[in-house]
Amino acid sequence: MCKPACKPKSLMAQLKIILFTSKELKDGSSPVMLRLTKNRKRKYFALGYSCEKDQWDEENGLFLKDFPNSKRRNRILVKELFRAENVLDRLVDSGKEFTLDDFRNEYIGVKSKDIFLYFDKVIDELKKNGKIGNANAYQDSKRALSNFHKSKSLNFNEVDFPFLKKFENDFLQRGVKPNSISVYMRTLRALFNKAIKEKQCRESDYPFKEYTITHLKNETAKRAISKDEMQLIKNYETPTGNQQEDSKNYFLFSYYTMGMNFTDMAKLKWSDISDGRINYIRSKTGKAYSIKILPPAQEIIRFYKKINPNNSYVFPILNDSITSPERIKHTITIALRLTNKHLKLIGKAVGIEKTLTTYVARHSWATVMKRSGVSTTIISEGMGHKSESITQVYLDSFENATLDAANENIL
């Protein structure tokens, strides 16, 4: 005969999801709880749901079909029971006697928190650190998720593969492009990763092992223009003192400075220029850049030195009175929108079919470099959103002299 210690686990401890009818909430419903029974003692764990008795399948420990979102919430209950059984298995397999409190400490560990509250925490931290662009991205993702879920609260453990597919389909039905959807999904994935590190979410609740974002990434339409088309823009005469003049200069300056991003151009100061070089820290990555100033870029710098001598900034986008990260971000956003508007007019005026934006200058630099025979180990054609991090790894490994020589291919 088997000794008591050899009793099956089911006889030693039992887990079941129940409707705790002994307690009634203000709305008349009762809480759904996980019950652990061991040695005739019981411990209960709230699962964050409640319902009425006629909405509950007592035998199977699940919501009946008429309960709102019963299918999705039943999946969560099954997942929670499975997780609890894994905890119980580990305790039993250890061979040591354990108490109800031992199970509680193992099981509770990290309790799934509300996603929207955690979004607010991350957004607030980003704003305090001056990362307004990132804060806005998280704010946009939170708004999109809130509009889809249509509820004030959403726990991390409620977001699973089916949830994300429905979220994606909702975007598609509203005509949102796949590339834009991938931005929302990447932000949500980053939030999950951060929450797991900060013990605000369990690793077992991470849904992006099943749901992948790669299928949403479409090839970006080719935006580069040729050297000849770049020359058309350079030769185009804009009205003096007009916004078109600034837009043209910004576009050309980006092209001649290895595709400098508009935000970095806006933040560029006279103190960043010395000994024929531009030395700056890129806002997006925090990487240090050192660029040899080519003659066309030097002409643009001299132009703004004459008309903008008393400002710390090279270009008349920001000024010394704009100090808060929020105002800086807002001012740059407005300037970028206005610049792209005038670039489109310039493109039409010189007969370029592609729609001109500041990004075209960045993409054109990479493309012209490659077409000029520059090694792909120095610059990849996929510079930009698709493989910017890979490109930066390549660039970091070369001396300035190598990059300077390569950059002269755009002249």
Foldseek 3Di string as FASTA:
>chain_A
DDDPLPDDLCVAKDKAWAFPVVDADPVGWTFIWIWMAGPNDIDIHTPPDTDHPVQADGVRNAGHPVPPPRVLVRVLVVLLVVLLVVLSVVVSVVSDDDDPVNSVCSSVQFPWDWLLVLLVVVLVVCQVVLNNVLSVLSVVLSVLVCVVVVDPTDTLLSDADVNVVVSVVVCVVVPHALVVVLSSVVSVLVSQVVCCVVSNHPPSSRHCVPPPSVVSDDPDDQLADDLVLLVLLVPDDDPPPDLLVVLSLLLVLCLLFLNQDLLCLQVQFPVQDDPQWGWDQRPPPRDIDIGRGDPVNVVSQVVQCVVPVPARHSDPQDGPVDDRSVSSVVSSVVSQVSSQVSQQVSCVVSVNPRRDHSNNSNLNSLVLLVVLPNDVLQPPNPPDPPPVVSNVVSPVVDDNVSVNVSSVSSD
